[in-house]
C-alpha atoms as a PDB file:
ATOM      1  CA  UNK A   1     -54.887  -5.888  54.246  1.00  0.00           C
ATOM      2  CA  UNK A   2     -56.938  -6.135  51.035  1.00  0.00           C
ATOM      3  CA  UNK A   3     -55.603  -4.424  47.944  1.00  0.00           C
ATOM      4  CA  UNK A   4     -57.917  -1.922  46.280  1.00  0.00           C
ATOM      5  CA  UNK A   5     -59.190  -2.440  42.753  1.00  0.00           C
ATOM      6  CA  UNK A   6     -57.226   0.582  41.571  1.00  0.00           C
ATOM      7  CA  UNK A   7     -54.021  -0.815  43.113  1.00  0.00           C
ATOM      8  CA  UNK A   8     -54.595  -4.142  41.346  1.00  0.00           C
ATOM      9  CA  UNK A   9     -55.276  -2.417  38.008  1.00  0.00           C
ATOM     10  CA  UNK A  10     -52.140  -0.294  38.449  1.00  0.00           C
ATOM     11  CA  UNK A  11     -50.109  -3.458  39.043  1.00  0.00           C
ATOM     12  CA  UNK A  12     -51.574  -5.175  35.960  1.00  0.00           C
ATOM     13  CA  UNK A  13     -50.935  -2.136  33.763  1.00  0.00           C
ATOM     14  CA  UNK A  14     -47.400  -1.897  35.150  1.00  0.00           C
ATOM     15  CA  UNK A  15     -46.674  -5.542  34.343  1.00  0.00           C
ATOM     16  CA  UNK A  16     -48.038  -5.162  30.811  1.00  0.00           C
ATOM     17  CA  UNK A  17     -46.102  -1.924  30.171  1.00  0.00           C
ATOM     18  CA  UNK A  18     -42.832  -3.102  31.753  1.00  0.00           C
ATOM     19  CA  UNK A  19     -41.325  -3.956  28.375  1.00  0.00           C
ATOM     20  CA  UNK A  20     -42.072  -0.513  26.916  1.00  0.00           C
ATOM     21  CA  UNK A  21     -39.198   1.750  26.014  1.00  0.00           C
ATOM     22  CA  UNK A  22     -39.005   4.255  27.516  1.00  0.00           C
ATOM     23  CA  UNK A  23     -40.714   2.933  30.621  1.00  0.00           C
ATOM     24  CA  UNK A  24     -43.714   5.172  31.375  1.00  0.00           C
ATOM     25  CA  UNK A  25     -43.807   7.113  34.637  1.00  0.00           C
ATOM     26  CA  UNK A  26     -46.629   5.927  36.885  1.00  0.00           C
ATOM     27  CA  UNK A  27     -50.113   4.607  36.295  1.00  0.00           C
ATOM     28  CA  UNK A  28     -52.902   7.153  35.981  1.00  0.00           C
ATOM     29  CA  UNK A  29     -56.511   6.596  37.029  1.00  0.00           C
ATOM     30  CA  UNK A  30     -58.468   7.551  33.909  1.00  0.00           C
ATOM     31  CA  UNK A  31     -61.919   6.799  35.327  1.00  0.00           C
ATOM     32  CA  UNK A  32     -63.317   5.524  38.607  1.00  0.00           C
ATOM     33  CA  UNK A  33     -67.092   5.343  38.284  1.00  0.00           C
ATOM     34  CA  UNK A  34     -69.802   2.888  39.316  1.00  0.00           C
ATOM     35  CA  UNK A  35     -69.852   1.462  35.756  1.00  0.00           C
ATOM     36  CA  UNK A  36     -66.107   0.785  35.627  1.00  0.00           C
ATOM     37  CA  UNK A  37     -62.597   1.701  36.687  1.00  0.00           C
ATOM     38  CA  UNK A  38     -59.871   2.435  34.136  1.00  0.00           C
ATOM     39  CA  UNK A  39     -56.137   2.805  34.789  1.00  0.00           C
ATOM     40  CA  UNK A  40     -53.615   3.723  32.088  1.00  0.00           C
ATOM     41  CA  UNK A  41     -49.859   3.363  31.904  1.00  0.00           C
ATOM     42  CA  UNK A  42     -48.160   4.314  28.658  1.00  0.00           C
ATOM     43  CA  UNK A  43     -49.986   2.473  25.881  1.00  0.00           C
ATOM     44  CA  UNK A  44     -51.600   0.016  28.289  1.00  0.00           C
ATOM     45  CA  UNK A  45     -55.063   0.422  29.768  1.00  0.00           C
ATOM     46  CA  UNK A  46     -56.529  -1.884  32.405  1.00  0.00           C
ATOM     47  CA  UNK A  47     -60.285  -1.788  32.882  1.00  0.00           C
ATOM     48  CA  UNK A  48     -62.507  -3.424  35.480  1.00  0.00           C
ATOM     49  CA  UNK A  49     -66.263  -3.701  35.164  1.00  0.00           C
ATOM     50  CA  UNK A  50     -68.695  -4.003  38.073  1.00  0.00           C
ATOM     51  CA  UNK A  51     -69.809  -7.480  39.133  1.00  0.00           C
ATOM     52  CA  UNK A  52     -72.362  -9.126  36.866  1.00  0.00           C
ATOM     53  CA  UNK A  53     -75.258 -11.263  38.098  1.00  0.00           C
ATOM     54  CA  UNK A  54     -74.939 -14.944  37.211  1.00  0.00           C
ATOM     55  CA  UNK A  55     -78.163 -14.715  35.173  1.00  0.00           C
ATOM     56  CA  UNK A  56     -76.660 -11.925  32.991  1.00  0.00           C
ATOM     57  CA  UNK A  57     -73.197 -13.464  32.541  1.00  0.00           C
ATOM     58  CA  UNK A  58     -73.820 -14.931  29.063  1.00  0.00           C
ATOM     59  CA  UNK A  59     -75.084 -11.662  27.602  1.00  0.00           C
ATOM     60  CA  UNK A  60     -72.285  -9.751  29.328  1.00  0.00           C
ATOM     61  CA  UNK A  61     -69.516 -11.981  27.980  1.00  0.00           C
ATOM     62  CA  UNK A  62     -70.978 -11.859  24.466  1.00  0.00           C
ATOM     63  CA  UNK A  63     -71.065  -8.046  24.576  1.00  0.00           C
ATOM     64  CA  UNK A  64     -67.535  -7.872  25.977  1.00  0.00           C
ATOM     65  CA  UNK A  65     -66.241 -10.225  23.265  1.00  0.00           C
ATOM     66  CA  UNK A  66     -67.830  -7.997  20.620  1.00  0.00           C
ATOM     67  CA  UNK A  67     -66.227  -4.851  22.096  1.00  0.00           C
ATOM     68  CA  UNK A  68     -62.829  -6.559  22.182  1.00  0.00           C
ATOM     69  CA  UNK A  69     -63.156  -7.659  18.532  1.00  0.00           C
ATOM     70  CA  UNK A  70     -64.037  -4.088  17.554  1.00  0.00           C
ATOM     71  CA  UNK A  71     -61.086  -2.663  19.513  1.00  0.00           C
ATOM     72  CA  UNK A  72     -58.765  -5.164  17.793  1.00  0.00           C
ATOM     73  CA  UNK A  73     -59.906  -4.284  14.266  1.00  0.00           C
ATOM     74  CA  UNK A  74     -56.938  -3.038  12.177  1.00  0.00           C
ATOM     75  CA  UNK A  75     -58.930  -0.107  10.746  1.00  0.00           C
ATOM     76  CA  UNK A  76     -59.231   1.282  14.295  1.00  0.00           C
ATOM     77  CA  UNK A  77     -55.476   1.160  14.935  1.00  0.00           C
ATOM     78  CA  UNK A  78     -54.457   4.491  16.444  1.00  0.00           C
ATOM     79  CA  UNK A  79     -58.039   5.242  17.483  1.00  0.00           C
ATOM     80  CA  UNK A  80     -58.650   2.448  19.998  1.00  0.00           C
ATOM     81  CA  UNK A  81     -56.086   0.507  21.973  1.00  0.00           C
ATOM     82  CA  UNK A  82     -56.202  -3.136  20.887  1.00  0.00           C
ATOM     83  CA  UNK A  83     -56.563  -5.801  23.577  1.00  0.00           C
ATOM     84  CA  UNK A  84     -53.344  -7.416  24.777  1.00  0.00           C
ATOM     85  CA  UNK A  85     -52.766 -11.061  23.953  1.00  0.00           C
END
């Protein structure tokens, strides 16, 4: 039986948050919309974007890389969650 996207995101967030102390309760679906699904667990957020057409992949990955660099900026610490290594 296929696993849903939300179940997979919950599992990923759980793995990433497993070392947290105290261990957070359960994952919470923060958003489930056509433009993305977001699951949070403690200080960890897992996000999935909709599929991207092959012809748009380069632009998409460039935009995603920019958003990740912004989220990782030290001046935004405490405002945005930085990407995990």
